[in-house]
Amino acid sequence: MPEVSFVYIAICFAIACLGINRKFGFWGYFFGSLLLTPIIGIILIAGSDKIKDSSAS
Protein backbone atom coordinates (compact mmCIF):
# COMPACT_ATOMS: atom_id res chain seq x y z
CA MET A 1 0.00 0.00 0.00
CA PRO A 2 2.82 2.52 0.60
CA GLU A 3 3.71 2.24 -3.10
CA VAL A 4 0.26 3.50 -4.07
CA SER A 5 0.60 6.47 -1.70
CA PHE A 6 4.02 7.30 -3.11
CA VAL A 7 2.72 7.20 -6.69
CA TYR A 8 -0.29 9.36 -5.78
CA ILE A 9 1.92 12.00 -4.12
CA ALA A 10 4.37 11.88 -7.05
CA ILE A 11 1.53 12.53 -9.51
CA CYS A 12 0.32 15.43 -7.35
CA PHE A 13 3.88 16.79 -7.29
CA ALA A 14 4.11 16.59 -11.10
CA ILE A 15 0.82 18.46 -11.45
CA ALA A 16 2.08 21.11 -9.03
CA CYS A 17 5.23 21.52 -11.15
CA LEU A 18 3.02 22.23 -14.16
CA GLY A 19 1.27 24.94 -12.16
CA ILE A 20 4.31 26.89 -11.01
CA ASN A 21 3.73 29.80 -13.42
CA ARG A 22 -0.04 29.74 -13.02
CA LYS A 23 -2.50 31.63 -10.84
CA PHE A 24 -2.43 29.44 -7.68
CA GLY A 25 1.24 28.52 -7.85
CA PHE A 26 2.97 25.29 -6.88
CA TRP A 27 1.46 24.83 -3.43
CA GLY A 28 -2.07 25.71 -4.50
CA TYR A 29 -2.11 23.07 -7.22
CA PHE A 30 -0.26 20.54 -5.07
CA PHE A 31 -2.77 20.70 -2.24
CA GLY A 32 -5.68 21.00 -4.68
CA SER A 33 -4.70 17.81 -6.46
CA LEU A 34 -3.76 16.09 -3.20
CA LEU A 35 -7.06 16.85 -1.46
CA LEU A 36 -9.42 16.60 -4.44
CA THR A 37 -7.76 14.25 -6.97
CA PRO A 38 -5.04 14.61 -9.61
CA ILE A 39 -7.71 14.71 -12.32
CA ILE A 40 -9.30 17.76 -10.69
CA GLY A 41 -5.81 19.27 -10.38
CA ILE A 42 -5.28 18.91 -14.13
CA ILE A 43 -8.68 20.50 -14.78
CA LEU A 44 -7.73 23.40 -12.49
CA ILE A 45 -4.48 23.94 -14.38
CA ALA A 46 -6.27 23.79 -17.73
CA GLY A 47 -8.76 26.42 -16.60
CA SER A 48 -6.35 28.82 -14.93
CA ASP A 49 -4.50 31.80 -16.33
CA LYS A 50 -0.75 32.17 -16.50
CA ILE A 51 0.89 34.80 -14.33
CA LYS A 52 1.41 38.05 -16.23
CA ASP A 53 5.02 39.22 -16.45
CA SER A 54 5.14 42.67 -14.86
CA SER A 55 8.49 43.56 -16.49
CA ALA A 56 7.04 43.28 -20.02
CA SER A 57 5.27 46.66 -19.87
PDB file of N, CA and C in Angstrom:
ATOM      1  N   MET A   1       0.789  -1.205   0.000  1.00  0.00           N
ATOM      2  CA  MET A   1       0.000   0.000   0.000  1.00  0.00           C
ATOM      3  C   MET A   1       0.837   1.279   0.000  1.00  0.00           C
ATOM      4  N   PRO A   2       2.013   1.295   0.631  1.00  0.00           N
ATOM      5  CA  PRO A   2       2.817   2.517   0.600  1.00  0.00           C
ATOM      6  C   PRO A   2       3.233   2.913  -0.821  1.00  0.00           C
ATOM      7  N   GLU A   3       3.335   1.921  -1.715  1.00  0.00           N
ATOM      8  CA  GLU A   3       3.709   2.244  -3.095  1.00  0.00           C
ATOM      9  C   GLU A   3       2.626   3.083  -3.772  1.00  0.00           C
ATOM     10  N   VAL A   4       1.378   2.758  -3.479  1.00  0.00           N
ATOM     11  CA  VAL A   4       0.265   3.501  -4.065  1.00  0.00           C
ATOM     12  C   VAL A   4       0.272   4.937  -3.552  1.00  0.00           C
ATOM     13  N   SER A   5       0.535   5.120  -2.263  1.00  0.00           N
ATOM     14  CA  SER A   5       0.601   6.466  -1.695  1.00  0.00           C
ATOM     15  C   SER A   5       1.740   7.264  -2.312  1.00  0.00           C
ATOM     16  N   PHE A   6       2.881   6.622  -2.517  1.00  0.00           N
ATOM     17  CA  PHE A   6       4.022   7.305  -3.115  1.00  0.00           C
ATOM     18  C   PHE A   6       3.709   7.735  -4.544  1.00  0.00           C
ATOM     19  N   VAL A   7       3.076   6.871  -5.311  1.00  0.00           N
ATOM     20  CA  VAL A   7       2.723   7.198  -6.694  1.00  0.00           C
ATOM     21  C   VAL A   7       1.706   8.340  -6.725  1.00  0.00           C
ATOM     22  N   TYR A   8       0.725   8.302  -5.840  1.00  0.00           N
ATOM     23  CA  TYR A   8      -0.289   9.362  -5.775  1.00  0.00           C
ATOM     24  C   TYR A   8       0.352  10.714  -5.470  1.00  0.00           C
ATOM     25  N   ILE A   9       1.242  10.748  -4.482  1.00  0.00           N
ATOM     26  CA  ILE A   9       1.918  12.002  -4.122  1.00  0.00           C
ATOM     27  C   ILE A   9       2.849  12.452  -5.240  1.00  0.00           C
ATOM     28  N   ALA A  10       3.499  11.519  -5.928  1.00  0.00           N
ATOM     29  CA  ALA A  10       4.375  11.877  -7.050  1.00  0.00           C
ATOM     30  C   ALA A  10       3.570  12.493  -8.191  1.00  0.00           C
ATOM     31  N   ILE A  11       2.387  11.960  -8.463  1.00  0.00           N
ATOM     32  CA  ILE A  11       1.529  12.533  -9.506  1.00  0.00           C
ATOM     33  C   ILE A  11       1.077  13.933  -9.100  1.00  0.00           C
ATOM     34  N   CYS A  12       0.711  14.104  -7.842  1.00  0.00           N
ATOM     35  CA  CYS A  12       0.319  15.429  -7.355  1.00  0.00           C
ATOM     36  C   CYS A  12       1.480  16.417  -7.455  1.00  0.00           C
ATOM     37  N   PHE A  13       2.692  15.949  -7.173  1.00  0.00           N
ATOM     38  CA  PHE A  13       3.878  16.794  -7.293  1.00  0.00           C
ATOM     39  C   PHE A  13       4.116  17.211  -8.747  1.00  0.00           C
ATOM     40  N   ALA A  14       3.930  16.279  -9.671  1.00  0.00           N
ATOM     41  CA  ALA A  14       4.110  16.594 -11.096  1.00  0.00           C
ATOM     42  C   ALA A  14       3.082  17.621 -11.549  1.00  0.00           C
ATOM     43  N   ILE A  15       1.858  17.486 -11.102  1.00  0.00           N
ATOM     44  CA  ILE A  15       0.822  18.461 -11.450  1.00  0.00           C
ATOM     45  C   ILE A  15       1.177  19.827 -10.876  1.00  0.00           C
ATOM     46  N   ALA A  16       1.680  19.848  -9.648  1.00  0.00           N
ATOM     47  CA  ALA A  16       2.080  21.107  -9.031  1.00  0.00           C
ATOM     48  C   ALA A  16       3.222  21.763  -9.804  1.00  0.00           C
ATOM     49  N   CYS A  17       4.137  20.966 -10.335  1.00  0.00           N
ATOM     50  CA  CYS A  17       5.226  21.517 -11.146  1.00  0.00           C
ATOM     51  C   CYS A  17       4.694  22.166 -12.423  1.00  0.00           C
ATOM     52  N   LEU A  18       3.640  21.612 -12.977  1.00  0.00           N
ATOM     53  CA  LEU A  18       3.022  22.226 -14.157  1.00  0.00           C
ATOM     54  C   LEU A  18       2.356  23.557 -13.812  1.00  0.00           C
ATOM     55  N   GLY A  19       1.971  23.736 -12.562  1.00  0.00           N
ATOM     56  CA  GLY A  19       1.269  24.938 -12.161  1.00  0.00           C
ATOM     57  C   GLY A  19       2.126  26.015 -11.542  1.00  0.00           C
ATOM     58  N   ILE A  20       3.426  25.904 -11.644  1.00  0.00           N
ATOM     59  CA  ILE A  20       4.310  26.892 -11.009  1.00  0.00           C
ATOM     60  C   ILE A  20       4.057  28.303 -11.541  1.00  0.00           C
ATOM     61  N   ASN A  21       3.921  28.465 -12.834  1.00  0.00           N
ATOM     62  CA  ASN A  21       3.728  29.798 -13.425  1.00  0.00           C
ATOM     63  C   ASN A  21       2.258  30.114 -13.663  1.00  0.00           C
ATOM     64  N   ARG A  22       1.393  29.520 -12.880  1.00  0.00           N
ATOM     65  CA  ARG A  22      -0.043  29.743 -13.015  1.00  0.00           C
ATOM     66  C   ARG A  22      -0.568  30.502 -11.804  1.00  0.00           C
ATOM     67  N   LYS A  23      -1.861  30.771 -11.816  1.00  0.00           N
ATOM     68  CA  LYS A  23      -2.501  31.630 -10.837  1.00  0.00           C
ATOM     69  C   LYS A  23      -2.304  31.182  -9.389  1.00  0.00           C
ATOM     70  N   PHE A  24      -2.500  29.906  -9.071  1.00  0.00           N
ATOM     71  CA  PHE A  24      -2.431  29.440  -7.682  1.00  0.00           C
ATOM     72  C   PHE A  24      -1.037  29.001  -7.259  1.00  0.00           C
ATOM     73  N   GLY A  25      -0.127  28.878  -8.184  1.00  0.00           N
ATOM     74  CA  GLY A  25       1.239  28.516  -7.848  1.00  0.00           C
ATOM     75  C   GLY A  25       1.413  27.045  -7.512  1.00  0.00           C
ATOM     76  N   PHE A  26       2.624  26.685  -7.166  1.00  0.00           N
ATOM     77  CA  PHE A  26       2.970  25.292  -6.882  1.00  0.00           C
ATOM     78  C   PHE A  26       2.128  24.718  -5.756  1.00  0.00           C
ATOM     79  N   TRP A  27       2.117  25.387  -4.608  1.00  0.00           N
ATOM     80  CA  TRP A  27       1.456  24.833  -3.426  1.00  0.00           C
ATOM     81  C   TRP A  27      -0.054  24.773  -3.594  1.00  0.00           C
ATOM     82  N   GLY A  28      -0.626  25.731  -4.276  1.00  0.00           N
ATOM     83  CA  GLY A  28      -2.071  25.706  -4.501  1.00  0.00           C
ATOM     84  C   GLY A  28      -2.504  24.500  -5.314  1.00  0.00           C
ATOM     85  N   TYR A  29      -1.770  24.212  -6.378  1.00  0.00           N
ATOM     86  CA  TYR A  29      -2.109  23.066  -7.216  1.00  0.00           C
ATOM     87  C   TYR A  29      -1.711  21.750  -6.562  1.00  0.00           C
ATOM     88  N   PHE A  30      -0.646  21.763  -5.765  1.00  0.00           N
ATOM     89  CA  PHE A  30      -0.258  20.542  -5.069  1.00  0.00           C
ATOM     90  C   PHE A  30      -1.341  20.121  -4.076  1.00  0.00           C
ATOM     91  N   PHE A  31      -1.756  21.047  -3.227  1.00  0.00           N
ATOM     92  CA  PHE A  31      -2.771  20.704  -2.241  1.00  0.00           C
ATOM     93  C   PHE A  31      -4.137  20.492  -2.883  1.00  0.00           C
ATOM     94  N   GLY A  32      -4.418  21.223  -3.967  1.00  0.00           N
ATOM     95  CA  GLY A  32      -5.675  21.001  -4.680  1.00  0.00           C
ATOM     96  C   GLY A  32      -5.764  19.608  -5.263  1.00  0.00           C
ATOM     97  N   SER A  33      -4.687  19.159  -5.883  1.00  0.00           N
ATOM     98  CA  SER A  33      -4.703  17.814  -6.461  1.00  0.00           C
ATOM     99  C   SER A  33      -4.566  16.740  -5.387  1.00  0.00           C
ATOM    100  N   LEU A  34      -3.904  17.054  -4.289  1.00  0.00           N
ATOM    101  CA  LEU A  34      -3.763  16.091  -3.197  1.00  0.00           C
ATOM    102  C   LEU A  34      -5.097  15.875  -2.479  1.00  0.00           C
ATOM    103  N   LEU A  35      -5.808  16.951  -2.204  1.00  0.00           N
ATOM    104  CA  LEU A  35      -7.061  16.847  -1.461  1.00  0.00           C
ATOM    105  C   LEU A  35      -8.244  16.439  -2.335  1.00  0.00           C
ATOM    106  N   LEU A  36      -8.283  16.912  -3.573  1.00  0.00           N
ATOM    107  CA  LEU A  36      -9.422  16.600  -4.436  1.00  0.00           C
ATOM    108  C   LEU A  36      -9.153  15.331  -5.244  1.00  0.00           C
ATOM    109  N   THR A  37      -8.303  15.382  -6.206  1.00  0.00           N
ATOM    110  CA  THR A  37      -7.761  14.248  -6.970  1.00  0.00           C
ATOM    111  C   THR A  37      -6.840  14.848  -8.024  1.00  0.00           C
ATOM    112  N   PRO A  38      -5.898  14.082  -8.542  1.00  0.00           N
ATOM    113  CA  PRO A  38      -5.038  14.611  -9.606  1.00  0.00           C
ATOM    114  C   PRO A  38      -5.825  15.006 -10.860  1.00  0.00           C
ATOM    115  N   ILE A  39      -6.911  14.341 -11.141  1.00  0.00           N
ATOM    116  CA  ILE A  39      -7.713  14.706 -12.318  1.00  0.00           C
ATOM    117  C   ILE A  39      -8.295  16.105 -12.142  1.00  0.00           C
ATOM    118  N   ILE A  40      -8.790  16.414 -10.967  1.00  0.00           N
ATOM    119  CA  ILE A  40      -9.297  17.760 -10.694  1.00  0.00           C
ATOM    120  C   ILE A  40      -8.153  18.765 -10.757  1.00  0.00           C
ATOM    121  N   GLY A  41      -6.970  18.382 -10.296  1.00  0.00           N
ATOM    122  CA  GLY A  41      -5.805  19.267 -10.384  1.00  0.00           C
ATOM    123  C   GLY A  41      -5.455  19.623 -11.818  1.00  0.00           C
ATOM    124  N   ILE A  42      -5.544  18.647 -12.708  1.00  0.00           N
ATOM    125  CA  ILE A  42      -5.285  18.909 -14.127  1.00  0.00           C
ATOM    126  C   ILE A  42      -6.351  19.839 -14.698  1.00  0.00           C
ATOM    127  N   ILE A  43      -7.587  19.630 -14.315  1.00  0.00           N
ATOM    128  CA  ILE A  43      -8.679  20.503 -14.776  1.00  0.00           C
ATOM    129  C   ILE A  43      -8.462  21.926 -14.266  1.00  0.00           C
ATOM    130  N   LEU A  44      -8.022  22.069 -13.029  1.00  0.00           N
ATOM    131  CA  LEU A  44      -7.735  23.403 -12.486  1.00  0.00           C
ATOM    132  C   LEU A  44      -6.619  24.098 -13.266  1.00  0.00           C
ATOM    133  N   ILE A  45      -5.580  23.357 -13.604  1.00  0.00           N
ATOM    134  CA  ILE A  45      -4.482  23.944 -14.384  1.00  0.00           C
ATOM    135  C   ILE A  45      -4.970  24.344 -15.774  1.00  0.00           C
ATOM    136  N   ALA A  46      -5.772  23.498 -16.388  1.00  0.00           N
ATOM    137  CA  ALA A  46      -6.267  23.795 -17.735  1.00  0.00           C
ATOM    138  C   ALA A  46      -7.158  25.032 -17.744  1.00  0.00           C
ATOM    139  N   GLY A  47      -7.850  25.283 -16.651  1.00  0.00           N
ATOM    140  CA  GLY A  47      -8.758  26.423 -16.603  1.00  0.00           C
ATOM    141  C   GLY A  47      -8.172  27.681 -16.011  1.00  0.00           C
ATOM    142  N   SER A  48      -6.925  27.650 -15.578  1.00  0.00           N
ATOM    143  CA  SER A  48      -6.347  28.824 -14.930  1.00  0.00           C
ATOM    144  C   SER A  48      -5.511  29.646 -15.910  1.00  0.00           C
ATOM    145  N   ASP A  49      -5.297  30.883 -15.514  1.00  0.00           N
ATOM    146  CA  ASP A  49      -4.498  31.801 -16.330  1.00  0.00           C
ATOM    147  C   ASP A  49      -3.039  31.750 -15.893  1.00  0.00           C
ATOM    148  N   LYS A  50      -2.160  32.047 -16.845  1.00  0.00           N
ATOM    149  CA  LYS A  50      -0.747  32.171 -16.505  1.00  0.00           C
ATOM    150  C   LYS A  50      -0.523  33.508 -15.818  1.00  0.00           C
ATOM    151  N   ILE A  51       0.534  33.564 -15.012  1.00  0.00           N
ATOM    152  CA  ILE A  51       0.885  34.804 -14.326  1.00  0.00           C
ATOM    153  C   ILE A  51       1.429  35.790 -15.361  1.00  0.00           C
ATOM    154  N   LYS A  52       0.933  37.010 -15.298  1.00  0.00           N
ATOM    155  CA  LYS A  52       1.411  38.046 -16.227  1.00  0.00           C
ATOM    156  C   LYS A  52       2.775  38.530 -15.774  1.00  0.00           C
ATOM    157  N   ASP A  53       3.679  38.732 -16.731  1.00  0.00           N
ATOM    158  CA  ASP A  53       5.018  39.216 -16.453  1.00  0.00           C
ATOM    159  C   ASP A  53       4.959  40.728 -16.302  1.00  0.00           C
ATOM    160  N   SER A  54       5.248  41.234 -15.119  1.00  0.00           N
ATOM    161  CA  SER A  54       5.143  42.669 -14.856  1.00  0.00           C
ATOM    162  C   SER A  54       6.272  43.472 -15.506  1.00  0.00           C
ATOM    163  N   SER A  55       7.374  42.835 -15.890  1.00  0.00           N
ATOM    164  CA  SER A  55       8.486  43.564 -16.489  1.00  0.00           C
ATOM    165  C   SER A  55       8.307  43.734 -17.999  1.00  0.00           C
ATOM    166  N   ALA A  56       7.255  43.199 -18.579  1.00  0.00           N
ATOM    167  CA  ALA A  56       7.044  43.279 -20.021  1.00  0.00           C
ATOM    168  C   ALA A  56       6.337  44.569 -20.438  1.00  0.00           C
ATOM    169  N   SER A  57       6.011  45.448 -19.513  1.00  0.00           N
ATOM    170  CA  SER A  57       5.266  46.656 -19.872  1.00  0.00           C
ATOM    171  C   SER A  57       6.122  47.680 -20.499  1.00  0.00           C
TER     172      SER A  57
END
